[in-house]
Protein backbone atom coordinates (compact mmCIF):
# COMPACT_ATOMS: atom_id res chain seq x y z
CA MET A 1 0.00 0.00 0.00
CA SER A 2 1.37 3.45 -0.86
CA ALA A 3 2.24 6.03 1.77
CA ARG A 4 -0.60 8.21 0.55
CA LYS A 5 -3.22 5.50 0.99
CA LYS A 6 -1.87 4.76 4.47
CA ALA A 7 -2.10 8.43 5.36
CA GLN A 8 -5.60 8.64 3.96
CA ALA A 9 -6.72 5.63 5.97
CA THR A 10 -5.74 7.27 9.25
CA TRP A 11 -8.45 9.90 9.02
CA GLY A 12 -10.69 9.24 6.00
CA GLY A 13 -11.61 5.58 5.99
CA ARG A 14 -14.99 6.40 4.41
CA PHE A 15 -13.34 7.61 1.21
CA SER A 16 -12.18 5.44 -1.67
CA ALA A 17 -9.35 7.72 -2.79
CA GLY A 18 -6.62 9.79 -1.20
CA PRO A 19 -6.66 13.57 -0.90
CA ALA A 20 -5.86 15.89 -3.79
CA GLU A 21 -2.32 17.20 -4.19
CA LEU A 22 -3.47 20.71 -3.26
CA MET A 23 -5.00 19.42 -0.04
CA LEU A 24 -1.84 17.54 0.83
CA ARG A 25 0.19 20.72 0.51
CA PHE A 26 -2.39 22.69 2.47
CA GLY A 27 -2.87 20.15 5.24
CA GLU A 28 0.66 19.01 5.98
CA SER A 29 2.64 20.46 8.90
CA VAL A 30 5.60 18.08 9.07
CA SER A 31 7.72 20.55 7.10
CA PHE A 32 7.93 22.65 10.26
CA ASP A 33 6.56 20.60 13.19
CA HIS A 34 9.23 17.92 12.71
CA ARG A 35 11.15 20.11 15.17
CA LEU A 36 8.89 18.66 17.88
CA TRP A 37 10.25 15.14 17.34
CA ALA A 38 12.18 14.91 20.63
CA GLN A 39 9.17 16.07 22.66
CA ASP A 40 6.85 13.75 20.72
CA ILE A 41 9.04 10.75 21.51
CA ARG A 42 9.35 11.75 25.17
CA GLY A 43 5.57 12.00 25.45
CA SER A 44 5.04 8.64 23.77
CA LYS A 45 7.55 6.95 26.05
CA ALA A 46 5.78 8.35 29.11
CA HIS A 47 2.40 7.29 27.72
CA ALA A 48 3.63 3.75 26.99
CA THR A 49 4.92 3.50 30.56
CA MET A 50 1.53 4.60 31.89
CA LEU A 51 -0.32 2.08 29.71
CA ALA A 52 1.88 -0.70 31.05
CA GLN A 53 1.18 0.37 34.63
CA ALA A 54 -2.54 0.34 33.81
CA GLY A 55 -2.27 -3.21 32.44
CA ILE A 56 -3.09 -2.24 28.84
CA LEU A 57 0.44 -3.04 27.63
CA THR A 58 2.49 -5.96 28.82
CA LYS A 59 6.01 -5.33 30.10
CA LYS A 60 7.36 -6.96 26.94
CA GLU A 61 5.21 -4.72 24.71
CA ARG A 62 6.21 -1.61 26.66
CA ASP A 63 9.91 -2.42 26.40
CA ALA A 64 9.61 -3.09 22.66
CA ILE A 65 7.88 0.27 22.15
CA LEU A 66 10.51 2.11 24.18
CA ARG A 67 13.33 0.47 22.23
CA GLY A 68 11.59 1.32 18.96
CA LEU A 69 11.17 4.97 19.96
CA ASP A 70 14.82 5.18 21.01
CA ALA A 71 15.89 3.76 17.64
CA ILE A 72 13.76 6.30 15.77
CA ALA A 73 15.21 9.11 17.91
CA ARG A 74 18.73 8.06 16.97
CA GLU A 75 17.81 8.00 13.28
CA ILE A 76 16.27 11.48 13.44
CA ALA A 77 19.25 12.89 15.34
CA ALA A 78 21.58 11.41 12.74
CA GLY A 79 19.54 12.87 9.87
CA LYS A 80 18.65 9.43 8.52
CA PHE A 81 14.91 9.50 9.17
CA VAL A 82 12.77 10.18 6.08
CA TRP A 83 9.88 12.55 6.77
CA SER A 84 6.79 11.94 4.63
CA ARG A 85 4.51 14.83 3.72
CA ASP A 86 1.77 12.29 3.00
CA LEU A 87 1.71 11.42 6.70
CA GLU A 88 0.91 15.06 7.49
CA ASP A 89 2.71 15.73 10.77
CA VAL A 90 5.49 14.72 13.11
CA HIS A 91 3.19 12.48 15.15
CA MET A 92 1.95 10.35 12.29
CA ASN A 93 5.44 10.04 10.81
CA ILE A 94 6.86 8.69 14.04
CA GLU A 95 3.82 6.54 14.76
CA SER A 96 3.89 5.00 11.29
CA ALA A 97 7.60 4.16 11.55
CA LEU A 98 7.13 2.74 15.04
CA THR A 99 4.13 0.57 14.16
CA LYS A 100 6.02 -0.99 11.25
CA ARG A 101 8.74 -2.09 13.67
CA VAL A 102 6.66 -2.82 16.77
CA PRO A 103 3.11 -4.12 16.13
CA ALA A 104 2.16 -3.47 19.77
CA ALA A 105 2.56 0.24 19.07
CA ALA A 106 -0.96 0.12 17.62
CA LYS A 107 -2.13 0.23 21.27
CA LEU A 108 -0.21 3.43 21.96
CA HIS A 109 -3.20 5.66 21.17
CA THR A 110 -5.29 4.09 23.91
CA ALA A 111 -6.51 6.98 26.11
CA ARG A 112 -4.74 9.48 23.84
CA SER A 113 -5.63 11.45 20.72
CA ARG A 114 -3.59 13.52 18.30
CA ASN A 115 -5.24 16.55 19.92
CA ASP A 116 -3.81 16.09 23.39
CA GLN A 117 -0.61 14.70 21.89
CA VAL A 118 0.17 17.90 19.96
CA ALA A 119 -0.79 20.05 22.97
CA THR A 120 1.64 18.04 25.09
CA ASP A 121 4.42 18.32 22.51
CA VAL A 122 4.01 22.09 22.23
CA ARG A 123 4.09 22.54 26.00
CA LEU A 124 7.21 20.38 26.33
CA TRP A 125 8.87 22.33 23.50
CA ILE A 126 8.05 25.64 25.18
CA LYS A 127 9.59 24.43 28.45
CA ASP A 128 12.74 23.24 26.66
CA GLN A 129 13.13 26.56 24.81
CA CYS A 130 12.65 28.52 28.02
CA ASP A 131 15.35 26.41 29.68
CA ALA A 132 17.73 27.02 26.77
CA ALA A 133 17.13 30.78 26.85
CA ASP A 134 17.54 30.86 30.63
CA ALA A 135 20.86 29.00 30.40
CA ALA A 136 22.09 31.60 27.89
CA LEU A 137 21.02 34.42 30.21
CA VAL A 138 22.83 32.81 33.16
CA SER A 139 26.01 32.64 31.08
CA LEU A 140 25.60 36.31 30.12
CA LEU A 141 25.03 37.34 33.74
CA LYS A 142 28.18 35.52 34.87
CA THR A 143 30.15 37.35 32.19
CA LEU A 144 28.74 40.72 33.28
CA VAL A 145 29.67 40.05 36.89
CA LYS A 146 33.24 39.13 35.90
CA LEU A 147 33.54 42.29 33.80
CA ALA A 148 32.18 44.35 36.70
CA GLU A 149 34.73 42.88 39.08
CA ALA A 150 37.54 43.60 36.63
CA ASN A 151 36.43 47.23 36.06
CA ALA A 152 35.31 48.32 39.51
CA ASP A 153 37.84 51.20 39.53
CA VAL A 154 36.96 52.52 36.05
CA ILE A 155 34.90 55.72 36.36
CA LEU A 156 32.41 56.80 33.70
CA PRO A 157 30.03 59.78 33.51
CA GLY A 158 26.45 58.97 34.41
CA TYR A 159 23.59 60.61 32.54
CA THR A 160 20.12 61.74 33.50
CA HIS A 161 17.66 63.82 31.44
CA LEU A 162 20.16 63.81 28.56
CA GLN A 163 22.75 65.58 30.74
CA ARG A 164 25.85 64.38 32.50
CA ALA A 165 25.23 63.63 36.16
CA GLN A 166 27.33 62.09 38.92
CA PRO A 167 30.23 59.80 37.94
CA VAL A 168 29.61 56.07 38.25
CA SER A 169 31.92 53.09 38.09
CA ALA A 170 31.90 50.82 35.05
CA ALA A 171 30.87 48.04 37.43
CA HIS A 172 27.77 50.03 38.38
CA HIS A 173 26.94 50.41 34.70
CA LEU A 174 27.44 46.71 33.94
CA LEU A 175 25.46 45.52 36.95
CA ALA A 176 22.57 47.79 35.99
CA TYR A 177 22.20 45.69 32.86
CA ALA A 178 22.63 42.53 34.91
CA GLU A 179 19.48 43.59 36.75
CA MET A 180 17.65 43.92 33.44
CA PHE A 181 18.70 40.48 32.24
CA GLY A 182 17.74 39.12 35.66
CA ARG A 183 14.21 40.39 35.08
CA ASP A 184 14.24 38.62 31.71
CA ARG A 185 14.88 35.36 33.59
CA THR A 186 11.85 36.06 35.78
CA ARG A 187 9.65 36.54 32.72
CA LEU A 188 10.96 33.34 31.14
CA ALA A 189 10.28 31.41 34.34
CA ALA A 190 6.69 32.66 34.30
CA ALA A 191 6.34 31.67 30.63
CA LYS A 192 7.64 28.20 31.42
CA ALA A 193 5.26 27.86 34.35
CA SER A 194 2.32 28.75 32.12
CA ALA A 195 3.14 25.73 29.94
CA ASN A 196 3.80 23.36 32.84
CA TRP A 197 0.47 21.52 32.72
CA CYS A 198 -0.17 18.12 31.21
CA PRO A 199 -3.07 17.92 28.71
CA LEU A 200 -2.72 14.15 28.23
CA GLY A 201 -6.04 12.51 28.97
CA SER A 202 -8.08 15.29 27.40
CA GLY A 203 -8.54 13.12 24.33
CA ALA A 204 -10.19 14.45 21.21
CA ARG A 205 -12.54 16.64 23.22
CA ALA A 206 -14.32 15.47 26.37
CA GLY A 207 -11.47 13.85 28.28
CA ARG A 208 -10.77 10.50 29.86
CA ARG A 209 -9.28 11.44 33.22
CA SER A 210 -10.47 13.56 36.10
CA ARG A 211 -7.39 15.70 36.89
CA VAL A 212 -5.63 17.00 33.80
CA ILE A 213 -5.59 20.81 33.71
CA PRO A 214 -7.62 21.84 36.77
CA TRP A 215 -8.85 25.26 35.71
CA THR A 216 -10.06 24.46 32.19
CA PRO A 217 -12.37 21.97 30.49
CA SER A 218 -10.62 19.56 28.15
CA PRO A 219 -11.64 21.31 24.89
CA THR A 220 -9.48 24.23 26.09
CA ALA A 221 -6.69 21.95 27.32
CA ILE A 222 -6.06 20.64 23.81
CA ARG A 223 -5.63 24.15 22.40
CA PRO A 224 -2.02 25.10 23.23
CA ARG A 225 -2.24 28.68 21.99
CA SER A 226 -2.64 30.19 25.46
CA SER A 227 0.51 28.48 26.71
CA ALA A 228 2.38 29.47 23.55
CA SER A 229 1.81 33.23 23.89
CA PRO A 230 3.87 34.09 27.04
CA PRO A 231 7.27 32.86 25.69
CA PRO A 232 7.27 35.12 22.59
CA PHE A 233 6.33 38.07 24.82
CA ALA A 234 9.20 37.28 27.20
CA ALA A 235 11.58 36.85 24.27
CA SER A 236 10.49 40.15 22.70
CA THR A 237 11.45 42.13 25.81
CA SER A 238 14.96 40.66 26.16
CA PRO A 239 16.50 42.56 23.19
CA VAL A 240 15.55 45.87 24.82
CA SER A 241 18.46 45.62 27.29
CA PRO A 242 21.36 45.05 24.82
CA ARG A 243 19.85 47.58 22.41
CA THR A 244 19.82 50.22 25.15
CA TRP A 245 23.33 49.23 26.17
CA SER A 246 24.68 49.86 22.68
CA SER A 247 22.81 53.13 22.14
CA GLY A 248 24.01 55.36 24.93
CA PRO A 249 25.96 56.15 28.09
CA PRO A 250 25.49 54.53 31.51
CA PRO A 251 21.86 54.81 32.65
CA SER A 252 20.69 56.76 35.64
CA SER A 253 18.66 55.06 38.35
CA ALA A 254 15.49 56.14 36.54
CA SER A 255 16.61 54.70 33.21
CA ARG A 256 17.49 51.39 34.87
CA ALA A 257 13.83 51.07 35.71
CA CYS A 258 12.89 52.08 32.17
CA PRO A 259 15.78 51.00 29.87
CA THR A 260 14.55 52.90 26.82
CA SER A 261 14.96 56.25 28.60
CA SER A 262 18.74 56.18 28.08
CA ARG A 263 19.83 58.07 24.96
CA ARG A 264 23.14 59.02 23.36
CA VAL A 265 23.95 62.72 23.66
CA ARG A 266 25.51 64.19 20.50
CA ARG A 267 27.86 67.10 21.09
């Protein structure tokens, strides 16, 4: 059976033919959501472990699924995995490859739908990206502290209201920006916390478990847009600090609270 007929059978078993070429191009997302592959595999491994604990998978079936997922992860990391547009998205590509190798993987969608699967993947990806950005900020803060220690005796003119004010040390200037980047870490932590809820169990709509995301009904749990909005906001504010740093003299205490108030004075 061709890849297209297999893809068609996953969602349109009532139809005798596969989708039109235009619809394939319109409906596929694997060209960009393949970046969720690590999170998709992590979620499937956790789900397989849960199904084994619930008695739906045997220990042998669970272990075979976990080994199969690990093998697929190695292939993807090595660039050897072939992504099929006909299989639409990252989930179906991985599931199709896994089922071919491990027949028991057909049970992996018990108590799970593609809806809560994609919501889980997106939330895991958001958390991973927040961790990566936070690690970069920590490295930057350490560098700023070292520079401040090395330049504690260097005196620079401070500015306020576009005029020179009291002299400040270079360390004071550098640590003012350290405060700004520290606030960026706080915003990233809040963005990560907003995504730190598990939508698994919400299913296609009405849910299968009683405690998934406490404050929302499951139709909302499987829509990851709300958890995806805080990270871009946090990321959009971070460039303000280095941009201000490069555009003018050391900030006054007022401009530290509002970084964009610092301006270069042309004389």
